[in-house]
Amino acid sequence: MLFNHPEKKLEIYHQQQLQHTANLDYVEDKTWIKQLLYDASQQTIYGLFSTRDGTRIKIIDAITGLATSIGEVEIATYQIEKAIIHNQHLYYLQSERLNGQNKGLMKWKLAVP
């Protein structure tokens, strides 16, 4: 599987042969912060998007390339560092200020359909 962001395409290969392509609808979204996260335990891909009130998390369909919102963390994007997703939980370091002081490990349960 290849996320070909310059071409706005998701490409799926099998034994070096292209098997499937899909358009990536989120690439031109100006709120996308150019970060994808993979939950290996669930084999699911997520994208992070900046909003006025926090950070929106969208699940990326690995067949259609469509991004669907599954929730929003009410934390500013600049406050989220080193994010990972495991077993449908978002883990990240949260800083209280722009200078990154007083970081804490946070956990947030994703509302996955």
N, C-alpha and C. Protein backbone atom coordinates (compact mmCIF):
# COMPACT_ATOMS: atom_id res chain seq x y z
N MET A 1 0.85 -1.16 0.00
CA MET A 1 0.00 0.00 0.00
C MET A 1 0.90 1.24 0.00
N LEU A 2 0.61 2.16 -0.91
CA LEU A 2 1.40 3.37 -1.03
C LEU A 2 0.46 4.58 -1.02
N PHE A 3 0.71 5.49 -0.10
CA PHE A 3 -0.02 6.76 -0.06
C PHE A 3 0.76 7.74 -0.91
N ASN A 4 0.35 7.89 -2.15
CA ASN A 4 1.02 8.76 -3.11
C ASN A 4 0.39 10.15 -3.01
N HIS A 5 0.81 10.91 -2.00
CA HIS A 5 0.20 12.21 -1.74
C HIS A 5 0.42 13.22 -2.87
N PRO A 6 1.59 13.28 -3.52
CA PRO A 6 1.73 14.23 -4.63
C PRO A 6 0.71 13.99 -5.75
N GLU A 7 0.38 12.73 -6.00
CA GLU A 7 -0.59 12.39 -7.04
C GLU A 7 -2.01 12.26 -6.49
N LYS A 8 -2.16 12.41 -5.16
CA LYS A 8 -3.46 12.29 -4.48
C LYS A 8 -4.10 10.92 -4.70
N LYS A 9 -3.27 9.89 -4.68
CA LYS A 9 -3.73 8.53 -4.95
C LYS A 9 -3.27 7.56 -3.86
N LEU A 10 -4.14 6.61 -3.56
CA LEU A 10 -3.78 5.45 -2.76
C LEU A 10 -3.54 4.32 -3.76
N GLU A 11 -2.38 3.70 -3.67
CA GLU A 11 -2.02 2.64 -4.61
C GLU A 11 -1.77 1.35 -3.83
N ILE A 12 -2.43 0.29 -4.25
CA ILE A 12 -2.25 -1.00 -3.60
C ILE A 12 -1.56 -1.94 -4.58
N TYR A 13 -0.45 -2.51 -4.12
CA TYR A 13 0.36 -3.39 -4.95
C TYR A 13 0.35 -4.81 -4.38
N HIS A 14 0.50 -5.77 -5.26
CA HIS A 14 0.69 -7.16 -4.86
C HIS A 14 1.79 -7.72 -5.75
N GLN A 15 2.87 -8.18 -5.15
CA GLN A 15 4.03 -8.70 -5.86
C GLN A 15 4.50 -7.71 -6.93
N GLN A 16 4.62 -6.47 -6.54
CA GLN A 16 5.12 -5.37 -7.36
C GLN A 16 4.21 -5.01 -8.54
N GLN A 17 3.01 -5.50 -8.55
CA GLN A 17 2.04 -5.17 -9.59
C GLN A 17 0.93 -4.33 -8.98
N LEU A 18 0.61 -3.21 -9.63
CA LEU A 18 -0.47 -2.35 -9.16
C LEU A 18 -1.80 -3.08 -9.31
N GLN A 19 -2.52 -3.21 -8.19
CA GLN A 19 -3.79 -3.94 -8.19
C GLN A 19 -5.00 -3.01 -8.09
N HIS A 20 -4.81 -1.87 -7.40
CA HIS A 20 -5.96 -1.00 -7.12
C HIS A 20 -5.47 0.42 -6.86
N THR A 21 -6.24 1.40 -7.32
CA THR A 21 -5.97 2.80 -6.97
C THR A 21 -7.27 3.45 -6.50
N ALA A 22 -7.12 4.44 -5.65
CA ALA A 22 -8.26 5.22 -5.17
C ALA A 22 -7.79 6.65 -4.94
N ASN A 23 -8.69 7.60 -5.11
CA ASN A 23 -8.38 9.00 -4.85
C ASN A 23 -8.33 9.25 -3.35
N LEU A 24 -7.35 10.03 -2.92
CA LEU A 24 -7.26 10.44 -1.51
C LEU A 24 -7.96 11.79 -1.37
N ASP A 25 -9.11 11.81 -0.72
CA ASP A 25 -9.91 13.03 -0.64
C ASP A 25 -9.38 14.05 0.35
N TYR A 26 -8.54 13.66 1.27
CA TYR A 26 -8.10 14.56 2.33
C TYR A 26 -6.86 15.38 1.98
N VAL A 27 -6.17 15.04 0.91
CA VAL A 27 -4.88 15.66 0.59
C VAL A 27 -5.00 17.17 0.39
N GLU A 28 -6.07 17.63 -0.22
CA GLU A 28 -6.24 19.07 -0.45
C GLU A 28 -6.91 19.79 0.71
N ASP A 29 -7.29 19.06 1.75
CA ASP A 29 -7.90 19.68 2.93
C ASP A 29 -6.83 20.49 3.67
N LYS A 30 -7.02 21.79 3.74
CA LYS A 30 -6.01 22.68 4.34
C LYS A 30 -5.85 22.45 5.84
N THR A 31 -6.78 21.74 6.47
CA THR A 31 -6.66 21.46 7.90
C THR A 31 -5.84 20.21 8.20
N TRP A 32 -5.56 19.40 7.17
CA TRP A 32 -4.75 18.20 7.38
C TRP A 32 -3.34 18.63 7.77
N ILE A 33 -2.82 18.07 8.85
CA ILE A 33 -1.49 18.49 9.34
C ILE A 33 -0.38 17.58 8.81
N LYS A 34 -0.66 16.92 7.70
CA LYS A 34 0.33 16.08 7.00
C LYS A 34 0.87 14.96 7.87
N GLN A 35 -0.04 14.36 8.64
CA GLN A 35 0.37 13.26 9.50
C GLN A 35 -0.66 12.14 9.44
N LEU A 36 -0.17 10.92 9.20
CA LEU A 36 -0.99 9.72 9.25
C LEU A 36 -0.47 8.84 10.38
N LEU A 37 -1.39 8.15 11.04
CA LEU A 37 -1.04 7.23 12.11
C LEU A 37 -1.62 5.87 11.79
N TYR A 38 -0.88 4.82 12.10
CA TYR A 38 -1.32 3.45 11.81
C TYR A 38 -1.47 2.68 13.10
N ASP A 39 -2.66 2.10 13.30
CA ASP A 39 -2.92 1.24 14.45
C ASP A 39 -2.69 -0.20 13.98
N ALA A 40 -1.51 -0.72 14.25
CA ALA A 40 -1.14 -2.06 13.79
C ALA A 40 -2.04 -3.14 14.40
N SER A 41 -2.51 -2.92 15.63
CA SER A 41 -3.35 -3.93 16.29
C SER A 41 -4.70 -4.06 15.60
N GLN A 42 -5.18 -2.98 14.99
CA GLN A 42 -6.48 -2.99 14.31
C GLN A 42 -6.35 -2.89 12.79
N GLN A 43 -5.12 -2.71 12.30
CA GLN A 43 -4.83 -2.51 10.88
C GLN A 43 -5.69 -1.37 10.30
N THR A 44 -5.64 -0.23 10.98
CA THR A 44 -6.44 0.93 10.61
C THR A 44 -5.54 2.15 10.50
N ILE A 45 -5.87 3.04 9.55
CA ILE A 45 -5.08 4.24 9.29
C ILE A 45 -5.90 5.46 9.67
N TYR A 46 -5.24 6.42 10.30
CA TYR A 46 -5.90 7.65 10.75
C TYR A 46 -5.12 8.87 10.26
N GLY A 47 -5.84 9.97 10.07
CA GLY A 47 -5.23 11.24 9.76
C GLY A 47 -5.57 12.26 10.83
N LEU A 48 -4.66 13.20 11.06
CA LEU A 48 -4.88 14.26 12.04
C LEU A 48 -5.12 15.58 11.31
N PHE A 49 -6.12 16.33 11.78
CA PHE A 49 -6.54 17.58 11.16
C PHE A 49 -6.70 18.65 12.24
N SER A 50 -6.26 19.84 11.94
CA SER A 50 -6.35 20.96 12.88
C SER A 50 -7.73 21.61 12.76
N THR A 51 -8.32 21.94 13.90
CA THR A 51 -9.60 22.65 13.91
C THR A 51 -9.47 23.86 14.83
N ARG A 52 -10.49 24.66 14.84
CA ARG A 52 -10.49 25.84 15.71
C ARG A 52 -10.43 25.45 17.19
N ASP A 53 -11.08 24.33 17.54
CA ASP A 53 -11.18 23.93 18.94
C ASP A 53 -10.27 22.78 19.35
N GLY A 54 -9.47 22.25 18.41
CA GLY A 54 -8.62 21.13 18.78
C GLY A 54 -8.06 20.40 17.58
N THR A 55 -8.01 19.09 17.70
CA THR A 55 -7.46 18.24 16.65
C THR A 55 -8.50 17.19 16.29
N ARG A 56 -8.90 17.17 15.04
CA ARG A 56 -9.88 16.18 14.56
C ARG A 56 -9.13 14.95 14.07
N ILE A 57 -9.69 13.79 14.36
CA ILE A 57 -9.12 12.52 13.93
C ILE A 57 -10.08 11.90 12.92
N LYS A 58 -9.51 11.53 11.76
CA LYS A 58 -10.32 10.89 10.73
C LYS A 58 -9.74 9.53 10.41
N ILE A 59 -10.62 8.58 10.20
CA ILE A 59 -10.20 7.25 9.78
C ILE A 59 -10.10 7.26 8.25
N ILE A 60 -9.03 6.69 7.72
CA ILE A 60 -8.80 6.66 6.29
C ILE A 60 -9.13 5.25 5.78
N ASP A 61 -10.11 5.16 4.90
CA ASP A 61 -10.51 3.87 4.34
C ASP A 61 -9.42 3.39 3.38
N ALA A 62 -8.86 2.22 3.64
CA ALA A 62 -7.73 1.71 2.86
C ALA A 62 -8.15 1.17 1.50
N ILE A 63 -9.43 1.17 1.18
CA ILE A 63 -9.89 0.75 -0.14
C ILE A 63 -10.34 1.96 -0.96
N THR A 64 -11.15 2.83 -0.34
CA THR A 64 -11.70 3.96 -1.09
C THR A 64 -10.85 5.22 -1.01
N GLY A 65 -9.99 5.33 0.03
CA GLY A 65 -9.19 6.54 0.22
C GLY A 65 -9.94 7.67 0.90
N LEU A 66 -11.20 7.44 1.27
CA LEU A 66 -12.00 8.49 1.91
C LEU A 66 -11.67 8.63 3.39
N ALA A 67 -11.70 9.87 3.86
CA ALA A 67 -11.44 10.16 5.27
C ALA A 67 -12.76 10.51 5.95
N THR A 68 -13.06 9.82 7.06
CA THR A 68 -14.29 10.03 7.80
C THR A 68 -13.96 10.40 9.24
N SER A 69 -14.54 11.51 9.71
CA SER A 69 -14.27 11.97 11.07
C SER A 69 -14.83 10.99 12.09
N ILE A 70 -14.01 10.70 13.11
CA ILE A 70 -14.47 9.81 14.19
C ILE A 70 -14.39 10.50 15.54
N GLY A 71 -13.99 11.76 15.56
CA GLY A 71 -13.95 12.46 16.83
C GLY A 71 -12.95 13.59 16.83
N GLU A 72 -12.99 14.34 17.91
CA GLU A 72 -12.10 15.48 18.04
C GLU A 72 -11.57 15.56 19.46
N VAL A 73 -10.25 15.71 19.56
CA VAL A 73 -9.60 15.92 20.84
C VAL A 73 -9.54 17.42 21.06
N GLU A 74 -10.03 17.90 22.18
CA GLU A 74 -10.07 19.34 22.42
C GLU A 74 -8.73 19.86 22.92
N ILE A 75 -7.70 19.53 22.16
CA ILE A 75 -6.34 19.98 22.44
C ILE A 75 -5.80 20.57 21.16
N ALA A 76 -5.16 21.73 21.25
CA ALA A 76 -4.60 22.37 20.06
C ALA A 76 -3.54 21.47 19.44
N THR A 77 -3.46 21.50 18.12
CA THR A 77 -2.52 20.65 17.39
C THR A 77 -1.09 20.84 17.86
N TYR A 78 -0.69 22.08 18.16
CA TYR A 78 0.70 22.32 18.59
C TYR A 78 1.00 21.68 19.94
N GLN A 79 -0.03 21.30 20.68
CA GLN A 79 0.18 20.68 21.99
C GLN A 79 0.33 19.16 21.91
N ILE A 80 0.10 18.57 20.75
CA ILE A 80 0.19 17.12 20.59
C ILE A 80 1.53 16.77 19.95
N GLU A 81 2.30 15.96 20.67
CA GLU A 81 3.60 15.52 20.17
C GLU A 81 3.68 14.00 20.23
N LYS A 82 4.43 13.43 19.31
CA LYS A 82 4.75 12.00 19.30
C LYS A 82 3.50 11.13 19.45
N ALA A 83 2.51 11.42 18.64
CA ALA A 83 1.25 10.68 18.71
C ALA A 83 1.40 9.29 18.09
N ILE A 84 0.76 8.33 18.75
CA ILE A 84 0.64 6.97 18.21
C ILE A 84 -0.78 6.49 18.51
N ILE A 85 -1.23 5.52 17.73
CA ILE A 85 -2.52 4.90 18.00
C ILE A 85 -2.28 3.41 18.16
N HIS A 86 -2.83 2.87 19.24
CA HIS A 86 -2.73 1.43 19.50
C HIS A 86 -4.04 0.96 20.11
N ASN A 87 -4.58 -0.09 19.52
CA ASN A 87 -5.79 -0.71 20.03
C ASN A 87 -6.92 0.31 20.22
N GLN A 88 -7.10 1.17 19.23
CA GLN A 88 -8.15 2.18 19.18
C GLN A 88 -8.02 3.24 20.28
N HIS A 89 -6.80 3.48 20.75
CA HIS A 89 -6.52 4.56 21.71
C HIS A 89 -5.43 5.45 21.14
N LEU A 90 -5.64 6.74 21.23
CA LEU A 90 -4.63 7.72 20.83
C LEU A 90 -3.79 8.04 22.06
N TYR A 91 -2.48 7.87 21.94
CA TYR A 91 -1.53 8.24 22.99
C TYR A 91 -0.68 9.38 22.45
N TYR A 92 -0.44 10.38 23.26
CA TYR A 92 0.38 11.50 22.81
C TYR A 92 0.94 12.25 24.02
N LEU A 93 2.03 12.96 23.75
CA LEU A 93 2.57 13.86 24.75
C LEU A 93 1.89 15.20 24.57
N GLN A 94 1.40 15.76 25.66
CA GLN A 94 0.74 17.06 25.61
C GLN A 94 1.56 18.06 26.41
N SER A 95 1.86 19.19 25.76
CA SER A 95 2.55 20.25 26.46
C SER A 95 1.54 21.34 26.80
N GLU A 96 1.78 22.03 27.89
CA GLU A 96 0.84 23.06 28.34
C GLU A 96 1.06 24.39 27.64
N ARG A 97 2.24 24.63 27.13
CA ARG A 97 2.57 25.92 26.53
C ARG A 97 3.27 25.71 25.19
N LEU A 98 3.39 26.78 24.45
CA LEU A 98 4.09 26.72 23.16
C LEU A 98 5.55 26.32 23.32
N ASN A 99 6.17 26.64 24.47
CA ASN A 99 7.58 26.31 24.66
C ASN A 99 7.80 24.85 25.04
N GLY A 100 6.72 24.08 25.22
CA GLY A 100 6.85 22.65 25.44
C GLY A 100 7.17 22.23 26.85
N GLN A 101 7.01 23.09 27.82
CA GLN A 101 7.28 22.73 29.21
C GLN A 101 6.13 21.89 29.77
N ASN A 102 6.43 21.13 30.82
CA ASN A 102 5.43 20.36 31.56
C ASN A 102 4.63 19.41 30.66
N LYS A 103 5.31 18.49 30.02
CA LYS A 103 4.64 17.52 29.15
C LYS A 103 4.07 16.38 29.97
N GLY A 104 2.95 15.83 29.50
CA GLY A 104 2.34 14.68 30.14
C GLY A 104 1.85 13.70 29.09
N LEU A 105 1.88 12.41 29.42
CA LEU A 105 1.38 11.38 28.51
C LEU A 105 -0.13 11.31 28.65
N MET A 106 -0.83 11.43 27.53
CA MET A 106 -2.28 11.43 27.53
C MET A 106 -2.80 10.23 26.73
N LYS A 107 -4.02 9.82 27.06
CA LYS A 107 -4.66 8.70 26.38
C LYS A 107 -6.10 9.09 26.08
N TRP A 108 -6.53 8.80 24.86
CA TRP A 108 -7.89 9.14 24.45
C TRP A 108 -8.47 7.98 23.65
N LYS A 109 -9.65 7.50 24.04
CA LYS A 109 -10.32 6.38 23.36
C LYS A 109 -10.97 6.90 22.09
N LEU A 110 -10.66 6.25 20.97
CA LEU A 110 -11.25 6.62 19.69
C LEU A 110 -12.65 6.04 19.56
N ALA A 111 -13.55 6.81 18.99
CA ALA A 111 -14.93 6.36 18.77
C ALA A 111 -15.01 5.72 17.39
N VAL A 112 -14.42 4.55 17.26
CA VAL A 112 -14.35 3.87 15.96
C VAL A 112 -15.66 3.14 15.71
N PRO A 113 -16.24 3.32 14.51
CA PRO A 113 -17.52 2.63 14.22
C PRO A 113 -17.34 1.15 14.07
